Amino acid sequence: KDADTLTTTDLRKPEWFKIDRVIACRKKSHSKEVCDIVNLCHWSQQDGQYEYLVKWKGLEYSDATWETSGTEELLVEFNKLVQRHRKANEIHDSHCGKLQKFQLTEQPYYLTGGILFEYQIFGVNWILSNFQIRRNVILA
């Protein structure tokens, strides 16, 4: 065929160019460290200094990309991210005091079909203490 008659078809869907949500942010100079989202308030001071991990509509999380452009759409989605994190912290703070007072000292009355050994109670308390300080752990 003649090169002039060949056409290229764009198979990309239009929604793939729309932001679904901002997942995270990081400073450009520290690309390995994710920033403290709750303490980022002033967009104008951040513009150009940070990158934002964007999940695109219609695409998987594995297709998310780091973006630096400070568009209006990115601003709106970034503010939603900040609000989600603030709300999560408020919920955590309101329940935190109740959790810190709880420690398993004896067999739970609701446990049926057996008893916990001393090392298991120790493990549950270790998980609880880490949960209270918001540290993710796995007991193996």
C-alpha atoms as a PDB file:
ATOM      1  CA  LYS A   1       0.000   0.000   0.000  1.00  0.00           C
ATOM      2  CA  ASP A   2       0.959   3.572  -0.520  1.00  0.00           C
ATOM      3  CA  ALA A   3       2.346   5.283   2.634  1.00  0.00           C
ATOM      4  CA  ASP A   4       0.015   8.256   2.113  1.00  0.00           C
ATOM      5  CA  THR A   5      -3.111   6.084   2.386  1.00  0.00           C
ATOM      6  CA  LEU A   6      -2.150   4.419   5.682  1.00  0.00           C
ATOM      7  CA  THR A   7      -3.933   5.800   8.727  1.00  0.00           C
ATOM      8  CA  THR A   8      -3.292   5.316  12.376  1.00  0.00           C
ATOM      9  CA  THR A   9      -6.196   4.435  14.630  1.00  0.00           C
ATOM     10  CA  ASP A  10      -5.977   5.623  18.223  1.00  0.00           C
ATOM     11  CA  LEU A  11      -7.169   2.713  20.372  1.00  0.00           C
ATOM     12  CA  ARG A  12      -6.866   4.633  23.635  1.00  0.00           C
ATOM     13  CA  LYS A  13     -10.161   5.286  25.375  1.00  0.00           C
ATOM     14  CA  PRO A  14     -10.955   8.922  26.318  1.00  0.00           C
ATOM     15  CA  GLU A  15     -11.585   8.041  29.993  1.00  0.00           C
ATOM     16  CA  TRP A  16      -8.000   6.807  30.281  1.00  0.00           C
ATOM     17  CA  PHE A  17      -6.984  10.467  30.204  1.00  0.00           C
ATOM     18  CA  LYS A  18      -9.231  11.401  33.159  1.00  0.00           C
ATOM     19  CA  ILE A  19      -8.028  11.182  36.741  1.00  0.00           C
ATOM     20  CA  ASP A  20      -9.851   8.619  38.868  1.00  0.00           C
ATOM     21  CA  ARG A  21      -8.000   9.515  42.064  1.00  0.00           C
ATOM     22  CA  VAL A  22      -4.656  10.638  43.437  1.00  0.00           C
ATOM     23  CA  ILE A  23      -3.148   7.807  45.467  1.00  0.00           C
ATOM     24  CA  ALA A  24       0.025   9.355  46.899  1.00  0.00           C
ATOM     25  CA  CYS A  25       2.541  12.131  46.517  1.00  0.00           C
ATOM     26  CA  ARG A  26       6.289  12.468  46.880  1.00  0.00           C
ATOM     27  CA  LYS A  27       8.923  15.172  46.645  1.00  0.00           C
ATOM     28  CA  LYS A  28      10.744  15.124  43.334  1.00  0.00           C
ATOM     29  CA  SER A  29      14.082  15.294  45.102  1.00  0.00           C
ATOM     30  CA  HIS A  30      13.204  12.304  47.337  1.00  0.00           C
ATOM     31  CA  SER A  31      11.480   9.956  44.916  1.00  0.00           C
ATOM     32  CA  LYS A  32      11.779   6.957  47.263  1.00  0.00           C
ATOM     33  CA  GLU A  33       9.902   8.662  50.127  1.00  0.00           C
ATOM     34  CA  VAL A  34       6.140   9.224  50.133  1.00  0.00           C
ATOM     35  CA  CYS A  35       5.203  12.578  51.675  1.00  0.00           C
ATOM     36  CA  ASP A  36       3.017  13.269  54.716  1.00  0.00           C
ATOM     37  CA  ILE A  37      -0.217  14.081  52.925  1.00  0.00           C
ATOM     38  CA  VAL A  38      -2.116  15.439  55.920  1.00  0.00           C
ATOM     39  CA  ASN A  39       0.429  18.203  56.477  1.00  0.00           C
ATOM     40  CA  LEU A  40       0.384  19.351  52.857  1.00  0.00           C
ATOM     41  CA  CYS A  41      -2.112  22.173  52.647  1.00  0.00           C
ATOM     42  CA  HIS A  42      -0.894  24.886  50.315  1.00  0.00           C
ATOM     43  CA  TRP A  43      -1.050  23.725  46.720  1.00  0.00           C
ATOM     44  CA  SER A  44       0.736  26.799  45.389  1.00  0.00           C
ATOM     45  CA  GLN A  45       3.786  26.038  47.528  1.00  0.00           C
ATOM     46  CA  GLN A  46       3.821  22.428  46.368  1.00  0.00           C
ATOM     47  CA  ASP A  47       3.402  23.005  42.655  1.00  0.00           C
ATOM     48  CA  GLY A  48       6.549  21.898  40.889  1.00  0.00           C
ATOM     49  CA  GLN A  49       8.126  20.368  43.998  1.00  0.00           C
ATOM     50  CA  TYR A  50       5.971  17.244  44.209  1.00  0.00           C
ATOM     51  CA  GLU A  51       4.879  14.368  42.026  1.00  0.00           C
ATOM     52  CA  TYR A  52       1.450  12.792  42.385  1.00  0.00           C
ATOM     53  CA  LEU A  53       0.626   9.129  41.837  1.00  0.00           C
ATOM     54  CA  VAL A  54      -2.483   9.145  39.647  1.00  0.00           C
ATOM     55  CA  LYS A  55      -4.860   6.251  39.033  1.00  0.00           C
ATOM     56  CA  TRP A  56      -6.582   6.772  35.694  1.00  0.00           C
ATOM     57  CA  LYS A  57     -10.260   5.978  35.039  1.00  0.00           C
ATOM     58  CA  GLY A  58     -10.797   2.629  33.366  1.00  0.00           C
ATOM     59  CA  LEU A  59      -7.237   1.470  34.078  1.00  0.00           C
ATOM     60  CA  GLU A  60      -5.812  -0.757  36.794  1.00  0.00           C
ATOM     61  CA  TYR A  61      -3.768   0.482  39.764  1.00  0.00           C
ATOM     62  CA  SER A  62      -0.738  -1.114  38.109  1.00  0.00           C
ATOM     63  CA  ASP A  63      -1.142   1.475  35.334  1.00  0.00           C
ATOM     64  CA  ALA A  64      -0.961   4.431  37.747  1.00  0.00           C
ATOM     65  CA  THR A  65       1.676   7.032  36.860  1.00  0.00           C
ATOM     66  CA  TRP A  66       3.603   9.765  38.664  1.00  0.00           C
ATOM     67  CA  GLU A  67       2.522  13.177  37.362  1.00  0.00           C
ATOM     68  CA  THR A  68       4.018  16.612  38.022  1.00  0.00           C
ATOM     69  CA  SER A  69       1.613  18.840  36.145  1.00  0.00           C
ATOM     70  CA  GLY A  70      -0.485  21.064  38.408  1.00  0.00           C
ATOM     71  CA  THR A  71      -3.755  20.975  36.465  1.00  0.00           C
ATOM     72  CA  GLU A  72      -7.096  21.982  37.979  1.00  0.00           C
ATOM     73  CA  GLU A  73      -8.294  18.366  37.837  1.00  0.00           C
ATOM     74  CA  LEU A  74      -5.169  17.205  39.672  1.00  0.00           C
ATOM     75  CA  LEU A  75      -5.705  19.918  42.308  1.00  0.00           C
ATOM     76  CA  VAL A  76      -9.272  18.732  42.953  1.00  0.00           C
ATOM     77  CA  GLU A  77      -8.239  15.085  43.236  1.00  0.00           C
ATOM     78  CA  PHE A  78      -5.249  15.924  45.444  1.00  0.00           C
ATOM     79  CA  ASN A  79      -7.538  17.847  47.816  1.00  0.00           C
ATOM     80  CA  LYS A  80      -9.798  14.784  47.983  1.00  0.00           C
ATOM     81  CA  LEU A  81      -6.759  12.708  48.955  1.00  0.00           C
ATOM     82  CA  VAL A  82      -5.888  15.154  51.745  1.00  0.00           C
ATOM     83  CA  GLN A  83      -9.480  15.073  53.024  1.00  0.00           C
ATOM     84  CA  ARG A  84      -9.531  11.248  53.012  1.00  0.00           C
ATOM     85  CA  HIS A  85      -6.353  11.162  55.078  1.00  0.00           C
ATOM     86  CA  ARG A  86      -7.597  13.794  57.520  1.00  0.00           C
ATOM     87  CA  LYS A  87     -10.872  11.924  57.992  1.00  0.00           C
ATOM     88  CA  ALA A  88      -9.002   8.660  58.583  1.00  0.00           C
ATOM     89  CA  ASN A  89      -6.825  10.372  61.207  1.00  0.00           C
ATOM     90  CA  GLU A  90      -9.886  11.837  62.954  1.00  0.00           C
ATOM     91  CA  ILE A  91     -11.523   8.419  63.112  1.00  0.00           C
ATOM     92  CA  HIS A  92      -8.305   6.905  64.425  1.00  0.00           C
ATOM     93  CA  ASP A  93      -7.835   9.638  67.041  1.00  0.00           C
ATOM     94  CA  SER A  94     -11.403   9.278  68.340  1.00  0.00           C
ATOM     95  CA  HIS A  95     -10.933   5.540  68.915  1.00  0.00           C
ATOM     96  CA  CYS A  96      -7.283   5.586  69.919  1.00  0.00           C
ATOM     97  CA  GLY A  97      -7.846   6.176  73.639  1.00  0.00           C
ATOM     98  CA  LYS A  98     -10.213   3.228  73.893  1.00  0.00           C
ATOM     99  CA  LEU A  99      -7.742   0.927  72.185  1.00  0.00           C
ATOM    100  CA  GLN A 100      -4.780   1.922  74.326  1.00  0.00           C
ATOM    101  CA  LYS A 101      -6.591   0.828  77.473  1.00  0.00           C
ATOM    102  CA  PHE A 102      -7.294  -2.645  76.124  1.00  0.00           C
ATOM    103  CA  GLN A 103      -4.854  -5.462  76.705  1.00  0.00           C
ATOM    104  CA  LEU A 104      -5.648  -9.146  76.829  1.00  0.00           C
ATOM    105  CA  THR A 105      -4.699 -10.469  80.283  1.00  0.00           C
ATOM    106  CA  GLU A 106      -6.748 -13.662  80.423  1.00  0.00           C
ATOM    107  CA  GLN A 107      -8.668 -16.054  78.224  1.00  0.00           C
ATOM    108  CA  PRO A 108     -11.344 -14.225  76.234  1.00  0.00           C
ATOM    109  CA  TYR A 109     -14.830 -15.345  77.278  1.00  0.00           C
ATOM    110  CA  TYR A 110     -15.989 -15.334  73.665  1.00  0.00           C
ATOM    111  CA  LEU A 111     -13.349 -17.846  72.550  1.00  0.00           C
ATOM    112  CA  THR A 112     -14.925 -21.251  71.976  1.00  0.00           C
ATOM    113  CA  GLY A 113     -13.360 -24.518  70.968  1.00  0.00           C
ATOM    114  CA  GLY A 114     -10.090 -24.155  72.859  1.00  0.00           C
ATOM    115  CA  ILE A 115      -7.864 -21.827  74.824  1.00  0.00           C
ATOM    116  CA  LEU A 116      -5.089 -19.429  73.950  1.00  0.00           C
ATOM    117  CA  PHE A 117      -1.638 -20.359  75.137  1.00  0.00           C
ATOM    118  CA  GLU A 118       0.476 -17.760  76.917  1.00  0.00           C
ATOM    119  CA  TYR A 119       2.596 -17.094  73.813  1.00  0.00           C
ATOM    120  CA  GLN A 120      -0.597 -16.560  71.776  1.00  0.00           C
ATOM    121  CA  ILE A 121      -1.908 -13.993  74.265  1.00  0.00           C
ATOM    122  CA  PHE A 122       1.497 -12.298  74.085  1.00  0.00           C
ATOM    123  CA  GLY A 123       1.214 -12.259  70.271  1.00  0.00           C
ATOM    124  CA  VAL A 124      -2.281 -10.754  70.330  1.00  0.00           C
ATOM    125  CA  ASN A 125      -1.111  -8.032  72.718  1.00  0.00           C
ATOM    126  CA  TRP A 126       1.887  -7.320  70.492  1.00  0.00           C
ATOM    127  CA  ILE A 127      -0.409  -6.900  67.480  1.00  0.00           C
ATOM    128  CA  LEU A 128      -2.721  -4.615  69.501  1.00  0.00           C
ATOM    129  CA  SER A 129       0.159  -2.443  70.704  1.00  0.00           C
ATOM    130  CA  ASN A 130       1.409  -2.007  67.134  1.00  0.00           C
ATOM    131  CA  PHE A 131      -2.103  -1.274  65.892  1.00  0.00           C
ATOM    132  CA  GLN A 132      -2.458   1.462  68.497  1.00  0.00           C
ATOM    133  CA  ILE A 133       0.621   3.260  67.183  1.00  0.00           C
ATOM    134  CA  ARG A 134      -0.506   2.688  63.584  1.00  0.00           C
ATOM    135  CA  ARG A 135       2.362   0.373  62.665  1.00  0.00           C
ATOM    136  CA  ASN A 136       1.552  -2.387  60.188  1.00  0.00           C
ATOM    137  CA  VAL A 137       2.854  -5.760  61.336  1.00  0.00           C
ATOM    138  CA  ILE A 138       2.478  -9.426  60.515  1.00  0.00           C
ATOM    139  CA  LEU A 139       2.669 -12.095  63.178  1.00  0.00           C
ATOM    140  CA  ALA A 140       4.131 -15.191  61.570  1.00  0.00           C
END
